[in-house]
Amino acid sequence: MKLNKENQAPNFRVKDIFGTEIDLSKMDSHKILISFFRYAECALCNLRIAELKRASEVFQKEDIEVVTIFQSHEESLKESIHKRHELDFTVISDSNFKLYDMYGVTTSWGKLLRTASLKGIKSTLAASSQGFKLGGRVEGKFNQIPADFLLDRNKRIKIAHYGSSLIDHMPLEEILN
């Protein structure tokens, strides 16, 4: 079931890829951005992670904590995401899809096919030009569609964004406003 604006965000307590416990109810940030992705070697996911990394200083200034969730296993995420991007935000492996289900993040072959648009092709070329491997190892569901949730200090959803394609994430401008 999809979540909507003003819903209380479902609480979770899990370990990140380094074994640190992440308890959503105890996160004290002004805002929290929860972003769901496909898998560690997804070139389009890496393109978005690079965009989030470039904005990390602004996120810190605006007191926004970033939590990313992938279907890949911890070791893949350490190598292909954390080490490659030198991240300063939380990365969680959810290979059993517990959090995906909790937040109503689903798969779709139709939305996957929408990625073949001009914008999708441009994003694929941008990912390739930045060195992100096209056709990397698939871990999990190939047709997993991204989603983003911006939470306020009380863990209420201010924006719930369910992607319409593999490249459809909440725009950074929307997060920062």
C-alpha atoms as a PDB file:
ATOM      1  CA  MET A   1       0.000   0.000   0.000  1.00  0.00           C
ATOM      2  CA  LYS A   2       1.348   3.406  -0.977  1.00  0.00           C
ATOM      3  CA  LEU A   3       2.010   5.993   1.698  1.00  0.00           C
ATOM      4  CA  ASN A   4       0.766   9.559   1.386  1.00  0.00           C
ATOM      5  CA  LYS A   5       1.691  13.034   2.542  1.00  0.00           C
ATOM      6  CA  GLU A   6       1.044  13.537   6.268  1.00  0.00           C
ATOM      7  CA  ASN A   7       1.058   9.777   7.011  1.00  0.00           C
ATOM      8  CA  GLN A   8       3.259   8.823   9.909  1.00  0.00           C
ATOM      9  CA  ALA A   9       6.310   7.128   8.391  1.00  0.00           C
ATOM     10  CA  PRO A  10       6.485   3.436   9.278  1.00  0.00           C
ATOM     11  CA  ASN A  11       9.151   2.988  11.921  1.00  0.00           C
ATOM     12  CA  PHE A  12      11.977   0.544  11.385  1.00  0.00           C
ATOM     13  CA  ARG A  13      14.993  -0.661  13.272  1.00  0.00           C
ATOM     14  CA  VAL A  14      17.653  -2.289  11.097  1.00  0.00           C
ATOM     15  CA  LYS A  15      21.433  -2.394  10.775  1.00  0.00           C
ATOM     16  CA  ASP A  16      23.262  -0.449   8.083  1.00  0.00           C
ATOM     17  CA  ILE A  17      25.933  -2.087   5.913  1.00  0.00           C
ATOM     18  CA  PHE A  18      28.506  -1.645   8.701  1.00  0.00           C
ATOM     19  CA  GLY A  19      26.358  -3.177  11.447  1.00  0.00           C
ATOM     20  CA  THR A  20      25.304   0.112  13.073  1.00  0.00           C
ATOM     21  CA  GLU A  21      21.725   0.018  14.307  1.00  0.00           C
ATOM     22  CA  ILE A  22      19.439   2.502  12.579  1.00  0.00           C
ATOM     23  CA  ASP A  23      16.241   3.237  14.494  1.00  0.00           C
ATOM     24  CA  LEU A  24      14.073   5.697  12.598  1.00  0.00           C
ATOM     25  CA  SER A  25      12.232   6.740  15.762  1.00  0.00           C
ATOM     26  CA  LYS A  26      15.516   7.868  17.358  1.00  0.00           C
ATOM     27  CA  MET A  27      16.832   9.916  14.443  1.00  0.00           C
ATOM     28  CA  ASP A  28      16.850  13.536  15.588  1.00  0.00           C
ATOM     29  CA  SER A  29      17.367  15.349  12.298  1.00  0.00           C
ATOM     30  CA  HIS A  30      15.124  18.186  11.262  1.00  0.00           C
ATOM     31  CA  LYS A  31      14.279  16.218   8.110  1.00  0.00           C
ATOM     32  CA  ILE A  32      15.064  12.734   6.826  1.00  0.00           C
ATOM     33  CA  LEU A  33      15.212  11.723   3.175  1.00  0.00           C
ATOM     34  CA  ILE A  34      14.616   7.995   2.694  1.00  0.00           C
ATOM     35  CA  SER A  35      15.508   6.862  -0.834  1.00  0.00           C
ATOM     36  CA  PHE A  36      14.838   3.403  -2.221  1.00  0.00           C
ATOM     37  CA  PHE A  37      17.015   2.100  -5.054  1.00  0.00           C
ATOM     38  CA  ARG A  38      17.498  -1.043  -7.126  1.00  0.00           C
ATOM     39  CA  TYR A  39      20.896  -2.688  -6.656  1.00  0.00           C
ATOM     40  CA  ALA A  40      24.564  -1.772  -6.137  1.00  0.00           C
ATOM     41  CA  GLU A  41      25.726  -2.014  -9.762  1.00  0.00           C
ATOM     42  CA  CYS A  42      22.737  -0.213 -11.288  1.00  0.00           C
ATOM     43  CA  ALA A  43      24.304   2.589 -13.336  1.00  0.00           C
ATOM     44  CA  LEU A  44      21.228   4.815 -12.994  1.00  0.00           C
ATOM     45  CA  CYS A  45      21.165   4.280  -9.215  1.00  0.00           C
ATOM     46  CA  ASN A  46      24.850   5.219  -9.035  1.00  0.00           C
ATOM     47  CA  LEU A  47      24.105   8.352 -11.051  1.00  0.00           C
ATOM     48  CA  ARG A  48      21.517   9.407  -8.439  1.00  0.00           C
ATOM     49  CA  ILE A  49      23.830   8.478  -5.548  1.00  0.00           C
ATOM     50  CA  ALA A  50      26.508  10.731  -7.103  1.00  0.00           C
ATOM     51  CA  GLU A  51      23.926  13.541  -7.269  1.00  0.00           C
ATOM     52  CA  LEU A  52      23.033  13.041  -3.588  1.00  0.00           C
ATOM     53  CA  LYS A  53      26.730  12.991  -2.692  1.00  0.00           C
ATOM     54  CA  ARG A  54      27.321  16.307  -4.493  1.00  0.00           C
ATOM     55  CA  ALA A  55      24.454  17.793  -2.461  1.00  0.00           C
ATOM     56  CA  SER A  56      25.632  16.366   0.875  1.00  0.00           C
ATOM     57  CA  GLU A  57      27.003  19.701   2.099  1.00  0.00           C
ATOM     58  CA  VAL A  58      23.659  21.363   1.410  1.00  0.00           C
ATOM     59  CA  PHE A  59      21.826  18.498   3.130  1.00  0.00           C
ATOM     60  CA  GLN A  60      24.004  18.959   6.214  1.00  0.00           C
ATOM     61  CA  LYS A  61      23.438  22.724   6.185  1.00  0.00           C
ATOM     62  CA  GLU A  62      19.678  22.173   5.890  1.00  0.00           C
ATOM     63  CA  ASP A  63      19.778  19.460   8.605  1.00  0.00           C
ATOM     64  CA  ILE A  64      18.552  16.716   6.292  1.00  0.00           C
ATOM     65  CA  GLU A  65      19.770  13.205   7.000  1.00  0.00           C
ATOM     66  CA  VAL A  66      19.896  10.856   4.004  1.00  0.00           C
ATOM     67  CA  VAL A  67      19.061   7.155   4.348  1.00  0.00           C
ATOM     68  CA  THR A  68      19.435   4.982   1.247  1.00  0.00           C
ATOM     69  CA  ILE A  69      17.974   1.501   0.866  1.00  0.00           C
ATOM     70  CA  PHE A  70      19.059  -1.076  -1.712  1.00  0.00           C
ATOM     71  CA  GLN A  71      18.082  -4.651  -2.484  1.00  0.00           C
ATOM     72  CA  SER A  72      21.753  -5.702  -2.767  1.00  0.00           C
ATOM     73  CA  HIS A  73      23.708  -7.519  -0.082  1.00  0.00           C
ATOM     74  CA  GLU A  74      25.995  -5.619   2.299  1.00  0.00           C
ATOM     75  CA  GLU A  75      29.289  -6.619   0.666  1.00  0.00           C
ATOM     76  CA  SER A  76      28.144  -5.441  -2.772  1.00  0.00           C
ATOM     77  CA  LEU A  77      26.985  -2.141  -1.308  1.00  0.00           C
ATOM     78  CA  LYS A  78      30.266  -1.597   0.522  1.00  0.00           C
ATOM     79  CA  GLU A  79      32.210  -2.110  -2.709  1.00  0.00           C
ATOM     80  CA  SER A  80      29.960  -0.619  -5.393  1.00  0.00           C
ATOM     81  CA  ILE A  81      28.250   2.189  -3.501  1.00  0.00           C
ATOM     82  CA  HIS A  82      29.978   3.243  -0.280  1.00  0.00           C
ATOM     83  CA  LYS A  83      33.608   2.818  -1.357  1.00  0.00           C
ATOM     84  CA  ARG A  84      33.063   4.223  -4.864  1.00  0.00           C
ATOM     85  CA  HIS A  85      31.238   7.325  -3.687  1.00  0.00           C
ATOM     86  CA  GLU A  86      32.858   7.788  -0.248  1.00  0.00           C
ATOM     87  CA  LEU A  87      29.444   8.391   1.260  1.00  0.00           C
ATOM     88  CA  ASP A  88      28.666  10.237   4.425  1.00  0.00           C
ATOM     89  CA  PHE A  89      25.102   9.004   4.680  1.00  0.00           C
ATOM     90  CA  THR A  90      23.397   5.777   5.688  1.00  0.00           C
ATOM     91  CA  VAL A  91      23.268   2.776   3.344  1.00  0.00           C
ATOM     92  CA  ILE A  92      20.967  -0.143   4.208  1.00  0.00           C
ATOM     93  CA  SER A  93      20.739  -3.555   2.589  1.00  0.00           C
ATOM     94  CA  ASP A  94      17.147  -4.797   2.378  1.00  0.00           C
ATOM     95  CA  SER A  95      17.553  -7.960   0.327  1.00  0.00           C
ATOM     96  CA  ASN A  96      14.490  -9.489   2.018  1.00  0.00           C
ATOM     97  CA  PHE A  97      12.343  -6.465   0.909  1.00  0.00           C
ATOM     98  CA  LYS A  98      10.965  -5.804   4.396  1.00  0.00           C
ATOM     99  CA  LEU A  99      11.375  -2.009   4.091  1.00  0.00           C
ATOM    100  CA  TYR A 100      10.283  -1.954   0.435  1.00  0.00           C
ATOM    101  CA  ASP A 101       7.036  -3.671   1.462  1.00  0.00           C
ATOM    102  CA  MET A 102       6.595  -1.471   4.556  1.00  0.00           C
ATOM    103  CA  TYR A 103       6.802   1.684   2.392  1.00  0.00           C
ATOM    104  CA  GLY A 104       4.814   0.292  -0.553  1.00  0.00           C
ATOM    105  CA  VAL A 105       7.763   0.440  -2.972  1.00  0.00           C
ATOM    106  CA  THR A 106       6.986  -1.927  -5.854  1.00  0.00           C
ATOM    107  CA  THR A 107       8.201  -3.349  -9.128  1.00  0.00           C
ATOM    108  CA  SER A 108       6.795  -2.577 -12.568  1.00  0.00           C
ATOM    109  CA  TRP A 109       7.757  -3.743 -16.047  1.00  0.00           C
ATOM    110  CA  GLY A 110       5.710  -0.899 -17.567  1.00  0.00           C
ATOM    111  CA  LYS A 111       7.564   1.759 -15.564  1.00  0.00           C
ATOM    112  CA  LEU A 112      10.870   0.076 -16.380  1.00  0.00           C
ATOM    113  CA  LEU A 113      10.033   0.408 -20.084  1.00  0.00           C
ATOM    114  CA  ARG A 114       9.265   4.138 -19.609  1.00  0.00           C
ATOM    115  CA  THR A 115      12.953   4.584 -18.891  1.00  0.00           C
ATOM    116  CA  ALA A 116      13.571   4.145 -22.620  1.00  0.00           C
ATOM    117  CA  SER A 117      12.492   7.771 -23.118  1.00  0.00           C
ATOM    118  CA  LEU A 118      14.834  10.504 -24.359  1.00  0.00           C
ATOM    119  CA  LYS A 119      15.415  11.573 -20.730  1.00  0.00           C
ATOM    120  CA  GLY A 120      16.174   7.956 -19.805  1.00  0.00           C
ATOM    121  CA  ILE A 121      18.640   7.595 -22.664  1.00  0.00           C
ATOM    122  CA  LYS A 122      20.352  10.853 -21.647  1.00  0.00           C
ATOM    123  CA  SER A 123      20.600   9.603 -18.057  1.00  0.00           C
ATOM    124  CA  THR A 124      22.063   6.294 -19.230  1.00  0.00           C
ATOM    125  CA  LEU A 125      24.671   8.134 -21.305  1.00  0.00           C
ATOM    126  CA  ALA A 126      25.468  10.417 -18.349  1.00  0.00           C
ATOM    127  CA  ALA A 127      25.905   7.380 -16.081  1.00  0.00           C
ATOM    128  CA  SER A 128      28.194   5.733 -18.600  1.00  0.00           C
ATOM    129  CA  SER A 129      30.265   8.903 -19.082  1.00  0.00           C
ATOM    130  CA  GLN A 130      30.771   9.081 -15.299  1.00  0.00           C
ATOM    131  CA  GLY A 131      32.143   5.535 -15.329  1.00  0.00           C
ATOM    132  CA  PHE A 132      29.110   3.704 -13.983  1.00  0.00           C
ATOM    133  CA  LYS A 133      29.005   0.268 -15.550  1.00  0.00           C
ATOM    134  CA  LEU A 134      25.980  -0.395 -17.735  1.00  0.00           C
ATOM    135  CA  GLY A 135      24.578  -3.891 -17.400  1.00  0.00           C
ATOM    136  CA  GLY A 136      26.113  -4.553 -13.985  1.00  0.00           C
ATOM    137  CA  ARG A 137      25.254  -7.542 -11.808  1.00  0.00           C
ATOM    138  CA  VAL A 138      21.569  -7.641 -10.901  1.00  0.00           C
ATOM    139  CA  GLU A 139      20.888  -8.386  -7.232  1.00  0.00           C
ATOM    140  CA  GLY A 140      17.205  -8.582  -6.524  1.00  0.00           C
ATOM    141  CA  LYS A 141      14.356  -7.510  -8.754  1.00  0.00           C
ATOM    142  CA  PHE A 142      15.431  -6.045 -12.096  1.00  0.00           C
ATOM    143  CA  ASN A 143      12.183  -4.084 -12.433  1.00  0.00           C
ATOM    144  CA  GLN A 144      12.353  -2.468  -8.984  1.00  0.00           C
ATOM    145  CA  ILE A 145      11.173   1.133  -9.209  1.00  0.00           C
ATOM    146  CA  PRO A 146      12.678   3.842  -6.952  1.00  0.00           C
ATOM    147  CA  ALA A 147      10.831   5.878  -4.347  1.00  0.00           C
ATOM    148  CA  ASP A 148      11.709   8.775  -2.048  1.00  0.00           C
ATOM    149  CA  PHE A 149      10.163   9.993   1.192  1.00  0.00           C
ATOM    150  CA  LEU A 150      10.908  13.294   2.885  1.00  0.00           C
ATOM    151  CA  LEU A 151      10.054  13.213   6.590  1.00  0.00           C
ATOM    152  CA  ASP A 152       9.755  16.065   9.054  1.00  0.00           C
ATOM    153  CA  ARG A 153      11.155  16.048  12.621  1.00  0.00           C
ATOM    154  CA  ASN A 154       8.030  14.196  13.838  1.00  0.00           C
ATOM    155  CA  LYS A 155       8.554  11.466  11.210  1.00  0.00           C
ATOM    156  CA  ARG A 156       5.528  12.572   9.226  1.00  0.00           C
ATOM    157  CA  ILE A 157       5.784  12.225   5.476  1.00  0.00           C
ATOM    158  CA  LYS A 158       6.006  15.658   3.874  1.00  0.00           C
ATOM    159  CA  ILE A 159       6.559  14.277   0.366  1.00  0.00           C
ATOM    160  CA  ALA A 160       5.974  10.719  -0.873  1.00  0.00           C
ATOM    161  CA  HIS A 161       7.424  10.236  -4.348  1.00  0.00           C
ATOM    162  CA  TYR A 162       6.918   6.897  -6.108  1.00  0.00           C
ATOM    163  CA  GLY A 163       8.940   6.780  -9.304  1.00  0.00           C
ATOM    164  CA  SER A 164       7.308   6.515 -12.719  1.00  0.00           C
ATOM    165  CA  SER A 165      10.513   5.035 -14.236  1.00  0.00           C
ATOM    166  CA  LEU A 166      13.979   3.897 -13.161  1.00  0.00           C
ATOM    167  CA  ILE A 167      15.268   7.484 -13.220  1.00  0.00           C
ATOM    168  CA  ASP A 168      12.312   9.157 -11.512  1.00  0.00           C
ATOM    169  CA  HIS A 169      13.466  10.340  -8.089  1.00  0.00           C
ATOM    170  CA  MET A 170      12.270  13.352  -6.137  1.00  0.00           C
ATOM    171  CA  PRO A 171      14.056  16.426  -7.568  1.00  0.00           C
ATOM    172  CA  LEU A 172      16.708  17.890  -5.259  1.00  0.00           C
ATOM    173  CA  GLU A 173      15.050  21.312  -5.489  1.00  0.00           C
ATOM    174  CA  GLU A 174      11.841  19.829  -4.080  1.00  0.00           C
ATOM    175  CA  ILE A 175      13.738  18.209  -1.188  1.00  0.00           C
ATOM    176  CA  LEU A 176      15.520  21.442  -0.316  1.00  0.00           C
ATOM    177  CA  ASN A 177      12.402  23.653  -0.447  1.00  0.00           C
END
